[in-house]
C-alpha atoms as a PDB file:
ATOM      1  CA  MET A   1       0.119  -0.239  -0.086  1.00  0.00           C
ATOM      2  CA  ASN A   2       0.953   3.604  -0.854  1.00  0.00           C
ATOM      3  CA  HIS A   3       0.923   5.611   1.605  1.00  0.00           C
ATOM      4  CA  ARG A   4       1.077   9.609   2.310  1.00  0.00           C
ATOM      5  CA  VAL A   5       3.981  10.751   4.589  1.00  0.00           C
ATOM      6  CA  GLU A   6       3.496  14.649   4.607  1.00  0.00           C
ATOM      7  CA  VAL A   7       5.346  16.761   7.306  1.00  0.00           C
ATOM      8  CA  ILE A   8       3.900  20.417   7.975  1.00  0.00           C
ATOM      9  CA  VAL A   9       6.287  22.695   9.095  1.00  0.00           C
ATOM     10  CA  GLY A  10       6.069  26.361   9.887  1.00  0.00           C
ATOM     11  CA  GLN A  11       7.520  29.326   8.075  1.00  0.00           C
ATOM     12  CA  ARG A  12      10.920  30.515  10.567  1.00  0.00           C
ATOM     13  CA  CYS A  13      10.434  27.851  12.978  1.00  0.00           C
ATOM     14  CA  ARG A  14      13.635  26.552  14.247  1.00  0.00           C
ATOM     15  CA  SER A  15      11.897  23.430  15.480  1.00  0.00           C
ATOM     16  CA  CYS A  16      10.070  23.117  12.060  1.00  0.00           C
ATOM     17  CA  ASP A  17      13.696  22.749  10.290  1.00  0.00           C
ATOM     18  CA  GLU A  18      14.828  20.107  12.840  1.00  0.00           C
ATOM     19  CA  ALA A  19      11.698  18.118  12.351  1.00  0.00           C
ATOM     20  CA  GLU A  20      12.040  18.794   8.099  1.00  0.00           C
ATOM     21  CA  ALA A  21      15.364  16.657   8.545  1.00  0.00           C
ATOM     22  CA  LEU A  22      14.738  14.332  10.820  1.00  0.00           C
ATOM     23  CA  TRP A  23      11.442  12.895   8.614  1.00  0.00           C
ATOM     24  CA  GLY A  24      13.200  13.560   5.740  1.00  0.00           C
ATOM     25  CA  SER A  25      16.401  11.097   6.597  1.00  0.00           C
ATOM     26  CA  ILE A  26      13.879   8.558   8.469  1.00  0.00           C
ATOM     27  CA  ALA A  27      11.898   8.313   5.481  1.00  0.00           C
ATOM     28  CA  GLN A  28      14.996   7.741   2.907  1.00  0.00           C
ATOM     29  CA  GLU A  29      16.202   5.138   5.408  1.00  0.00           C
ATOM     30  CA  LEU A  30      13.101   3.528   5.139  1.00  0.00           C
ATOM     31  CA  GLY A  31      12.471   4.190   1.347  1.00  0.00           C
ATOM     32  CA  VAL A  32       9.282   6.298   1.521  1.00  0.00           C
ATOM     33  CA  ASN A  33       8.630   9.426   0.036  1.00  0.00           C
ATOM     34  CA  ILE A  34       8.111  12.565   2.319  1.00  0.00           C
ATOM     35  CA  ALA A  35       6.164  16.030   1.358  1.00  0.00           C
ATOM     36  CA  VAL A  36       6.884  18.808   3.027  1.00  0.00           C
ATOM     37  CA  ARG A  37       4.304  21.762   3.160  1.00  0.00           C
ATOM     38  CA  ARG A  38       5.136  24.916   4.866  1.00  0.00           C
ATOM     39  CA  ILE A  39       2.487  26.897   6.187  1.00  0.00           C
ATOM     40  CA  ASP A  40       2.172  30.306   8.233  1.00  0.00           C
ATOM     41  CA  ALA A  41       0.091  30.614  11.555  1.00  0.00           C
ATOM     42  CA  ASP A  42      -2.887  31.921   9.969  1.00  0.00           C
ATOM     43  CA  ALA A  43      -3.168  28.673   8.143  1.00  0.00           C
ATOM     44  CA  LYS A  44      -2.307  26.368  10.441  1.00  0.00           C
ATOM     45  CA  ALA A  45      -6.130  26.223  11.608  1.00  0.00           C
ATOM     46  CA  GLY A  46      -7.158  25.881   7.932  1.00  0.00           C
ATOM     47  CA  ALA A  47      -4.453  22.542   7.952  1.00  0.00           C
ATOM     48  CA  GLY A  48      -6.239  20.792  10.559  1.00  0.00           C
ATOM     49  CA  VAL A  49      -3.184  21.515  12.829  1.00  0.00           C
ATOM     50  CA  THR A  50      -2.993  22.636  16.443  1.00  0.00           C
ATOM     51  CA  ALA A  51       0.580  22.407  16.836  1.00  0.00           C
ATOM     52  CA  LEU A  52       3.684  22.711  14.307  1.00  0.00           C
ATOM     53  CA  PRO A  53       5.811  20.634  13.679  1.00  0.00           C
ATOM     54  CA  VAL A  54       3.595  17.529  12.657  1.00  0.00           C
ATOM     55  CA  LEU A  55       3.620  14.140  10.688  1.00  0.00           C
ATOM     56  CA  HIS A  56       0.746  13.250   8.668  1.00  0.00           C
ATOM     57  CA  VAL A  57       0.397   9.862   7.449  1.00  0.00           C
ATOM     58  CA  ASP A  58      -2.833   9.452   5.585  1.00  0.00           C
ATOM     59  CA  GLY A  59      -3.894  12.151   6.934  1.00  0.00           C
ATOM     60  CA  ARG A  60      -3.346  10.974  10.483  1.00  0.00           C
ATOM     61  CA  ALA A  61      -1.117  13.162  12.925  1.00  0.00           C
ATOM     62  CA  ILE A  62       1.568  10.445  14.043  1.00  0.00           C
ATOM     63  CA  ALA A  63       3.924  12.998  15.665  1.00  0.00           C
ATOM     64  CA  VAL A  64       3.905  16.601  16.810  1.00  0.00           C
ATOM     65  CA  GLY A  65       7.032  18.124  17.745  1.00  0.00           C
ATOM     66  CA  VAL A  66      10.744  16.782  17.287  1.00  0.00           C
ATOM     67  CA  PRO A  67      11.209  13.149  18.465  1.00  0.00           C
ATOM     68  CA  THR A  68      14.334  11.436  19.017  1.00  0.00           C
ATOM     69  CA  PRO A  69      16.049   9.789  15.899  1.00  0.00           C
ATOM     70  CA  ALA A  70      15.103   6.337  17.293  1.00  0.00           C
ATOM     71  CA  ARG A  71      11.573   7.043  18.655  1.00  0.00           C
ATOM     72  CA  ALA A  72      10.789   8.914  14.878  1.00  0.00           C
ATOM     73  CA  ARG A  73      12.310   5.967  13.374  1.00  0.00           C
ATOM     74  CA  GLU A  74       9.575   3.461  15.193  1.00  0.00           C
ATOM     75  CA  LEU A  75       6.816   5.626  15.347  1.00  0.00           C
ATOM     76  CA  LEU A  76       6.826   6.175  10.835  1.00  0.00           C
ATOM     77  CA  ALA A  77       7.821   2.437  10.466  1.00  0.00           C
ATOM     78  CA  ARG A  78       4.177   1.462  12.727  1.00  0.00           C
ATOM     79  CA  ALA A  79       2.400   4.326  10.594  1.00  0.00           C
ATOM     80  CA  LEU A  80       3.481   2.416   7.428  1.00  0.00           C
ATOM     81  CA  THR A  81       2.569  -1.120   8.439  1.00  0.00           C
ATOM     82  CA  THR A  82      -0.576  -0.310   9.585  1.00  0.00           C
ATOM     83  CA  PRO A  83      -3.241  -0.670   7.005  1.00  0.00           C
END
């Protein structure tokens, strides 16, 4: 099954930059494509998120913030094996 993996990050946000790099690295390790969506504070509510950065897999929030690399790997691997 092809999963839609998306990290939603803010403009000018240090944590968001860290999350984008982390999730990109983990996705590459796991062999999946990841989309990055940058939004501003005004668009956050319209994007259906309450906090940034956030990782969505198939439209479901999997992680908020910047987890450790080990935790990120675990969360994304589990989300990709869940139907």
